[in-house]
Amino acid sequence: WRKMLGGDVDRTYSRKFDFSAAAVPRY
């Protein structure tokens, strides 16, 4: 949830790979 809710933060300098995962409704 921290990754999901903090997904707008650029963490590419402190991590090799900054990822987020989510399941969302689609239509």
PDB file of all heavy atoms in Angstrom:
ATOM      1  N   TRP A   1       0.818  -1.205   0.000  1.00  0.00           N
ATOM      2  CA  TRP A   1       0.000   0.000   0.000  1.00  0.00           C
ATOM      3  C   TRP A   1       0.848   1.250   0.000  1.00  0.00           C
ATOM      4  O   TRP A   1       0.470   2.267  -0.590  1.00  0.00           O
ATOM      5  CB  TRP A   1      -0.944  -0.026   1.205  1.00  0.00           C
ATOM      6  CG  TRP A   1      -1.974  -1.086   1.055  1.00  0.00           C
ATOM      7  CD1 TRP A   1      -2.097  -2.246   1.754  1.00  0.00           C
ATOM      8  CD2 TRP A   1      -3.032  -1.105   0.083  1.00  0.00           C
ATOM      9  NE1 TRP A   1      -3.146  -2.991   1.306  1.00  0.00           N
ATOM     10  CE2 TRP A   1      -3.751  -2.314   0.277  1.00  0.00           C
ATOM     11  CE3 TRP A   1      -3.438  -0.225  -0.912  1.00  0.00           C
ATOM     12  CZ2 TRP A   1      -4.849  -2.647  -0.493  1.00  0.00           C
ATOM     13  CZ3 TRP A   1      -4.538  -0.566  -1.687  1.00  0.00           C
ATOM     14  CH2 TRP A   1      -5.229  -1.759  -1.479  1.00  0.00           C
ATOM     15  N   ARG A   2       2.031   1.206   0.658  1.00  0.00           N
ATOM     16  CA  ARG A   2       2.905   2.372   0.619  1.00  0.00           C
ATOM     17  C   ARG A   2       3.394   2.611  -0.804  1.00  0.00           C
ATOM     18  O   ARG A   2       3.493   3.730  -1.268  1.00  0.00           O
ATOM     19  CB  ARG A   2       4.086   2.189   1.570  1.00  0.00           C
ATOM     20  CG  ARG A   2       4.944   3.442   1.714  1.00  0.00           C
ATOM     21  CD  ARG A   2       6.124   3.170   2.618  1.00  0.00           C
ATOM     22  NE  ARG A   2       5.710   2.856   3.962  1.00  0.00           N
ATOM     23  CZ  ARG A   2       5.463   3.763   4.903  1.00  0.00           C
ATOM     24  NH1 ARG A   2       5.589   5.040   4.620  1.00  0.00           N
ATOM     25  NH2 ARG A   2       5.092   3.394   6.107  1.00  0.00           N
ATOM     26  N   LYS A   3       3.730   1.511  -1.501  1.00  0.00           N
ATOM     27  CA  LYS A   3       4.166   1.654  -2.892  1.00  0.00           C
ATOM     28  C   LYS A   3       3.028   2.155  -3.769  1.00  0.00           C
ATOM     29  O   LYS A   3       3.220   2.970  -4.662  1.00  0.00           O
ATOM     30  CB  LYS A   3       4.671   0.312  -3.421  1.00  0.00           C
ATOM     31  CG  LYS A   3       5.965  -0.153  -2.773  1.00  0.00           C
ATOM     32  CD  LYS A   3       6.308  -1.556  -3.221  1.00  0.00           C
ATOM     33  CE  LYS A   3       7.559  -2.072  -2.529  1.00  0.00           C
ATOM     34  NZ  LYS A   3       7.856  -3.464  -2.869  1.00  0.00           N
ATOM     35  N   MET A   4       1.813   1.647  -3.499  1.00  0.00           N
ATOM     36  CA  MET A   4       0.661   2.044  -4.303  1.00  0.00           C
ATOM     37  C   MET A   4       0.322   3.514  -4.088  1.00  0.00           C
ATOM     38  O   MET A   4       0.171   4.288  -5.034  1.00  0.00           O
ATOM     39  CB  MET A   4      -0.531   1.168  -3.924  1.00  0.00           C
ATOM     40  CG  MET A   4      -1.833   1.557  -4.597  1.00  0.00           C
ATOM     41  SD  MET A   4      -1.760   1.364  -6.387  1.00  0.00           S
ATOM     42  CE  MET A   4      -3.418   1.914  -6.840  1.00  0.00           C
ATOM     43  N   LEU A   5       0.233   3.918  -2.826  1.00  0.00           N
ATOM     44  CA  LEU A   5      -0.167   5.288  -2.518  1.00  0.00           C
ATOM     45  C   LEU A   5       0.976   6.272  -2.689  1.00  0.00           C
ATOM     46  O   LEU A   5       0.751   7.469  -2.776  1.00  0.00           O
ATOM     47  CB  LEU A   5      -0.708   5.353  -1.085  1.00  0.00           C
ATOM     48  CG  LEU A   5      -1.969   4.513  -0.839  1.00  0.00           C
ATOM     49  CD1 LEU A   5      -2.394   4.620   0.608  1.00  0.00           C
ATOM     50  CD2 LEU A   5      -3.094   4.941  -1.760  1.00  0.00           C
ATOM     51  N   GLY A   6       2.209   5.781  -2.718  1.00  0.00           N
ATOM     52  CA  GLY A   6       3.352   6.661  -2.930  1.00  0.00           C
ATOM     53  C   GLY A   6       3.927   6.532  -4.311  1.00  0.00           C
ATOM     54  O   GLY A   6       5.082   6.843  -4.543  1.00  0.00           O
ATOM     55  N   GLY A   7       3.100   6.051  -5.257  1.00  0.00           N
ATOM     56  CA  GLY A   7       3.599   5.798  -6.598  1.00  0.00           C
ATOM     57  C   GLY A   7       3.977   7.033  -7.374  1.00  0.00           C
ATOM     58  O   GLY A   7       4.641   6.948  -8.397  1.00  0.00           O
ATOM     59  N   ASP A   8       3.535   8.220  -6.906  1.00  0.00           N
ATOM     60  CA  ASP A   8       3.873   9.443  -7.621  1.00  0.00           C
ATOM     61  C   ASP A   8       5.230   9.993  -7.218  1.00  0.00           C
ATOM     62  O   ASP A   8       5.637  11.048  -7.693  1.00  0.00           O
ATOM     63  CB  ASP A   8       2.800  10.506  -7.378  1.00  0.00           C
ATOM     64  CG  ASP A   8       2.685  10.869  -5.911  1.00  0.00           C
ATOM     65  OD1 ASP A   8       2.931   9.992  -5.070  1.00  0.00           O
ATOM     66  OD2 ASP A   8       2.355  12.032  -5.614  1.00  0.00           O
ATOM     67  N   VAL A   9       5.956   9.293  -6.343  1.00  0.00           N
ATOM     68  CA  VAL A   9       7.279   9.717  -5.891  1.00  0.00           C
ATOM     69  C   VAL A   9       8.341   9.023  -6.731  1.00  0.00           C
ATOM     70  O   VAL A   9       8.267   7.814  -6.963  1.00  0.00           O
ATOM     71  CB  VAL A   9       7.475   9.394  -4.398  1.00  0.00           C
ATOM     72  CG1 VAL A   9       8.867   9.802  -3.939  1.00  0.00           C
ATOM     73  CG2 VAL A   9       6.411  10.091  -3.566  1.00  0.00           C
ATOM     74  N   ASP A  10       9.332   9.783  -7.198  1.00  0.00           N
ATOM     75  CA  ASP A  10      10.426   9.234  -7.989  1.00  0.00           C
ATOM     76  C   ASP A  10      11.453   8.597  -7.060  1.00  0.00           C
ATOM     77  O   ASP A  10      12.181   9.292  -6.353  1.00  0.00           O
ATOM     78  CB  ASP A  10      11.072  10.326  -8.825  1.00  0.00           C
ATOM     79  CG  ASP A  10      12.128   9.777  -9.781  1.00  0.00           C
ATOM     80  OD1 ASP A  10      12.403   8.553  -9.725  1.00  0.00           O
ATOM     81  OD2 ASP A  10      12.684  10.551 -10.570  1.00  0.00           O
ATOM     82  N   ARG A  11      11.501   7.259  -7.041  1.00  0.00           N
ATOM     83  CA  ARG A  11      12.452   6.545  -6.187  1.00  0.00           C
ATOM     84  C   ARG A  11      13.547   5.872  -7.013  1.00  0.00           C
ATOM     85  O   ARG A  11      14.214   4.958  -6.530  1.00  0.00           O
ATOM     86  CB  ARG A  11      11.723   5.494  -5.352  1.00  0.00           C
ATOM     87  CG  ARG A  11      10.751   6.050  -4.310  1.00  0.00           C
ATOM     88  CD  ARG A  11      10.223   4.927  -3.432  1.00  0.00           C
ATOM     89  NE  ARG A  11       9.409   5.419  -2.350  1.00  0.00           N
ATOM     90  CZ  ARG A  11       8.084   5.560  -2.398  1.00  0.00           C
ATOM     91  NH1 ARG A  11       7.451   5.263  -3.520  1.00  0.00           N
ATOM     92  NH2 ARG A  11       7.405   5.999  -1.367  1.00  0.00           N
ATOM     93  N   THR A  12      13.711   6.300  -8.237  1.00  0.00           N
ATOM     94  CA  THR A  12      14.669   5.621  -9.117  1.00  0.00           C
ATOM     95  C   THR A  12      16.113   5.896  -8.742  1.00  0.00           C
ATOM     96  O   THR A  12      17.015   5.209  -9.235  1.00  0.00           O
ATOM     97  CB  THR A  12      14.435   6.046 -10.577  1.00  0.00           C
ATOM     98  OG1 THR A  12      14.504   7.483 -10.672  1.00  0.00           O
ATOM     99  CG2 THR A  12      13.075   5.583 -11.061  1.00  0.00           C
ATOM    100  N   TYR A  13      16.359   6.908  -7.900  1.00  0.00           N
ATOM    101  CA  TYR A  13      17.732   7.163  -7.470  1.00  0.00           C
ATOM    102  C   TYR A  13      18.135   6.252  -6.317  1.00  0.00           C
ATOM    103  O   TYR A  13      19.304   5.925  -6.154  1.00  0.00           O
ATOM    104  CB  TYR A  13      17.895   8.629  -7.046  1.00  0.00           C
ATOM    105  CG  TYR A  13      17.833   9.593  -8.197  1.00  0.00           C
ATOM    106  CD1 TYR A  13      16.691  10.349  -8.431  1.00  0.00           C
ATOM    107  CD2 TYR A  13      18.906   9.747  -9.068  1.00  0.00           C
ATOM    108  CE1 TYR A  13      16.629  11.236  -9.490  1.00  0.00           C
ATOM    109  CE2 TYR A  13      18.848  10.629 -10.131  1.00  0.00           C
ATOM    110  CZ  TYR A  13      17.713  11.377 -10.333  1.00  0.00           C
ATOM    111  OH  TYR A  13      17.659  12.242 -11.386  1.00  0.00           O
ATOM    112  N   SER A  14      17.184   5.847  -5.491  1.00  0.00           N
ATOM    113  CA  SER A  14      17.494   5.022  -4.324  1.00  0.00           C
ATOM    114  C   SER A  14      17.260   3.539  -4.563  1.00  0.00           C
ATOM    115  O   SER A  14      17.638   2.723  -3.729  1.00  0.00           O
ATOM    116  CB  SER A  14      16.643   5.485  -3.129  1.00  0.00           C
ATOM    117  OG  SER A  14      15.256   5.391  -3.423  1.00  0.00           O
ATOM    118  N   ARG A  15      16.626   3.172  -5.691  1.00  0.00           N
ATOM    119  CA  ARG A  15      16.359   1.765  -5.976  1.00  0.00           C
ATOM    120  C   ARG A  15      16.841   1.407  -7.379  1.00  0.00           C
ATOM    121  O   ARG A  15      16.864   2.248  -8.268  1.00  0.00           O
ATOM    122  CB  ARG A  15      14.854   1.477  -5.905  1.00  0.00           C
ATOM    123  CG  ARG A  15      14.261   1.586  -4.522  1.00  0.00           C
ATOM    124  CD  ARG A  15      12.768   1.353  -4.607  1.00  0.00           C
ATOM    125  NE  ARG A  15      12.151   1.368  -3.303  1.00  0.00           N
ATOM    126  CZ  ARG A  15      10.841   1.451  -3.113  1.00  0.00           C
ATOM    127  NH1 ARG A  15      10.043   1.536  -4.159  1.00  0.00           N
ATOM    128  NH2 ARG A  15      10.345   1.448  -1.899  1.00  0.00           N
ATOM    129  N   LYS A  16      17.184   0.145  -7.552  1.00  0.00           N
ATOM    130  CA  LYS A  16      17.528  -0.328  -8.884  1.00  0.00           C
ATOM    131  C   LYS A  16      16.297  -0.332  -9.777  1.00  0.00           C
ATOM    132  O   LYS A  16      16.382  -0.046 -10.969  1.00  0.00           O
ATOM    133  CB  LYS A  16      18.135  -1.725  -8.800  1.00  0.00           C
ATOM    134  CG  LYS A  16      19.508  -1.773  -8.151  1.00  0.00           C
ATOM    135  CD  LYS A  16      20.074  -3.178  -8.183  1.00  0.00           C
ATOM    136  CE  LYS A  16      21.469  -3.219  -7.567  1.00  0.00           C
ATOM    137  NZ  LYS A  16      22.044  -4.596  -7.581  1.00  0.00           N
ATOM    138  N   PHE A  17      15.150  -0.700  -9.178  1.00  0.00           N
ATOM    139  CA  PHE A  17      13.914  -0.783  -9.956  1.00  0.00           C
ATOM    140  C   PHE A  17      12.770  -0.363  -9.052  1.00  0.00           C
ATOM    141  O   PHE A  17      12.504  -0.994  -8.030  1.00  0.00           O
ATOM    142  CB  PHE A  17      13.700  -2.209 -10.472  1.00  0.00           C
ATOM    143  CG  PHE A  17      12.544  -2.344 -11.426  1.00  0.00           C
ATOM    144  CD1 PHE A  17      12.666  -1.914 -12.729  1.00  0.00           C
ATOM    145  CD2 PHE A  17      11.346  -2.900 -11.015  1.00  0.00           C
ATOM    146  CE1 PHE A  17      11.607  -2.032 -13.615  1.00  0.00           C
ATOM    147  CE2 PHE A  17      10.278  -3.026 -11.887  1.00  0.00           C
ATOM    148  CZ  PHE A  17      10.417  -2.592 -13.195  1.00  0.00           C
ATOM    149  N   ASP A  18      12.101   0.717  -9.391  1.00  0.00           N
ATOM    150  CA  ASP A  18      10.993   1.249  -8.607  1.00  0.00           C
ATOM    151  C   ASP A  18       9.689   0.808  -9.269  1.00  0.00           C
ATOM    152  O   ASP A  18       9.344   1.275 -10.350  1.00  0.00           O
ATOM    153  CB  ASP A  18      11.088   2.774  -8.546  1.00  0.00           C
ATOM    154  CG  ASP A  18       9.902   3.391  -7.837  1.00  0.00           C
ATOM    155  OD1 ASP A  18       9.291   2.696  -7.000  1.00  0.00           O
ATOM    156  OD2 ASP A  18       9.581   4.558  -8.121  1.00  0.00           O
ATOM    157  N   PHE A  19       8.959  -0.092  -8.618  1.00  0.00           N
ATOM    158  CA  PHE A  19       7.774  -0.649  -9.260  1.00  0.00           C
ATOM    159  C   PHE A  19       6.556  -0.492  -8.359  1.00  0.00           C
ATOM    160  O   PHE A  19       6.646  -0.313  -7.142  1.00  0.00           O
ATOM    161  CB  PHE A  19       7.976  -2.139  -9.580  1.00  0.00           C
ATOM    162  CG  PHE A  19       7.974  -3.031  -8.364  1.00  0.00           C
ATOM    163  CD1 PHE A  19       6.805  -3.624  -7.919  1.00  0.00           C
ATOM    164  CD2 PHE A  19       9.144  -3.274  -7.665  1.00  0.00           C
ATOM    165  CE1 PHE A  19       6.802  -4.430  -6.799  1.00  0.00           C
ATOM    166  CE2 PHE A  19       9.155  -4.085  -6.547  1.00  0.00           C
ATOM    167  CZ  PHE A  19       7.983  -4.667  -6.109  1.00  0.00           C
ATOM    168  N   SER A  20       5.403  -0.566  -8.992  1.00  0.00           N
ATOM    169  CA  SER A  20       4.117  -0.598  -8.298  1.00  0.00           C
ATOM    170  C   SER A  20       3.230  -1.593  -9.030  1.00  0.00           C
ATOM    171  O   SER A  20       3.317  -1.749 -10.254  1.00  0.00           O
ATOM    172  CB  SER A  20       3.454   0.776  -8.275  1.00  0.00           C
ATOM    173  OG  SER A  20       4.209   1.691  -7.518  1.00  0.00           O
ATOM    174  N   ALA A  21       2.372  -2.264  -8.282  1.00  0.00           N
ATOM    175  CA  ALA A  21       1.458  -3.246  -8.858  1.00  0.00           C
ATOM    176  C   ALA A  21       0.052  -2.954  -8.365  1.00  0.00           C
ATOM    177  O   ALA A  21      -0.144  -2.499  -7.237  1.00  0.00           O
ATOM    178  CB  ALA A  21       1.875  -4.658  -8.475  1.00  0.00           C
ATOM    179  N   ALA A  22      -0.910  -3.214  -9.210  1.00  0.00           N
ATOM    180  CA  ALA A  22      -2.293  -2.962  -8.813  1.00  0.00           C
ATOM    181  C   ALA A  22      -3.234  -3.747  -9.709  1.00  0.00           C
ATOM    182  O   ALA A  22      -2.908  -4.072 -10.862  1.00  0.00           O
ATOM    183  CB  ALA A  22      -2.620  -1.477  -8.894  1.00  0.00           C
ATOM    184  N   ALA A  23      -4.388  -4.063  -9.159  1.00  0.00           N
ATOM    185  CA  ALA A  23      -5.498  -4.605  -9.920  1.00  0.00           C
ATOM    186  C   ALA A  23      -6.575  -3.532  -9.961  1.00  0.00           C
ATOM    187  O   ALA A  23      -6.942  -2.975  -8.924  1.00  0.00           O
ATOM    188  CB  ALA A  23      -6.032  -5.879  -9.278  1.00  0.00           C
ATOM    189  N   VAL A  24      -7.050  -3.207 -11.143  1.00  0.00           N
ATOM    190  CA  VAL A  24      -8.004  -2.115 -11.291  1.00  0.00           C
ATOM    191  C   VAL A  24      -9.188  -2.575 -12.134  1.00  0.00           C
ATOM    192  O   VAL A  24      -9.050  -3.441 -13.014  1.00  0.00           O
ATOM    193  CB  VAL A  24      -7.348  -0.889 -11.973  1.00  0.00           C
ATOM    194  CG1 VAL A  24      -6.269  -0.304 -11.089  1.00  0.00           C
ATOM    195  CG2 VAL A  24      -6.782  -1.258 -13.334  1.00  0.00           C
ATOM    196  N   PRO A  25     -10.373  -2.038 -11.887  1.00  0.00           N
ATOM    197  CA  PRO A  25     -11.506  -2.338 -12.765  1.00  0.00           C
ATOM    198  C   PRO A  25     -11.266  -1.751 -14.145  1.00  0.00           C
ATOM    199  O   PRO A  25     -10.555  -0.758 -14.305  1.00  0.00           O
ATOM    200  CB  PRO A  25     -12.684  -1.674 -12.050  1.00  0.00           C
ATOM    201  CG  PRO A  25     -12.068  -0.604 -11.223  1.00  0.00           C
ATOM    202  CD  PRO A  25     -10.732  -1.117 -10.805  1.00  0.00           C
ATOM    203  N   ARG A  26     -11.859  -2.344 -15.126  1.00  0.00           N
ATOM    204  CA  ARG A  26     -11.676  -1.891 -16.510  1.00  0.00           C
ATOM    205  C   ARG A  26     -13.018  -1.973 -17.224  1.00  0.00           C
ATOM    206  O   ARG A  26     -13.829  -2.874 -16.968  1.00  0.00           O
ATOM    207  CB  ARG A  26     -10.636  -2.757 -17.221  1.00  0.00           C
ATOM    208  CG  ARG A  26     -10.393  -2.403 -18.680  1.00  0.00           C
ATOM    209  CD  ARG A  26      -9.403  -3.344 -19.328  1.00  0.00           C
ATOM    210  NE  ARG A  26      -9.347  -3.145 -20.755  1.00  0.00           N
ATOM    211  CZ  ARG A  26      -8.499  -2.354 -21.386  1.00  0.00           C
ATOM    212  NH1 ARG A  26      -7.612  -1.678 -20.672  1.00  0.00           N
ATOM    213  NH2 ARG A  26      -8.512  -2.219 -22.697  1.00  0.00           N
ATOM    214  N   TYR A  27     -13.213  -1.011 -18.127  1.00  0.00           N
ATOM    215  CA  TYR A  27     -14.437  -1.034 -18.910  1.00  0.00           C
ATOM    216  C   TYR A  27     -14.175  -0.425 -20.277  1.00  0.00           C
ATOM    217  O   TYR A  27     -13.488   0.603 -20.393  1.00  0.00           O
ATOM    218  CB  TYR A  27     -15.563  -0.256 -18.228  1.00  0.00           C
ATOM    219  CG  TYR A  27     -16.830  -0.229 -19.064  1.00  0.00           C
ATOM    220  CD1 TYR A  27     -17.747  -1.274 -18.998  1.00  0.00           C
ATOM    221  CD2 TYR A  27     -17.078   0.815 -19.949  1.00  0.00           C
ATOM    222  CE1 TYR A  27     -18.880  -1.265 -19.776  1.00  0.00           C
ATOM    223  CE2 TYR A  27     -18.217   0.842 -20.734  1.00  0.00           C
ATOM    224  CZ  TYR A  27     -19.115  -0.207 -20.650  1.00  0.00           C
ATOM    225  OH  TYR A  27     -20.235  -0.210 -21.441  1.00  0.00           O
TER     226      TYR A  27
END
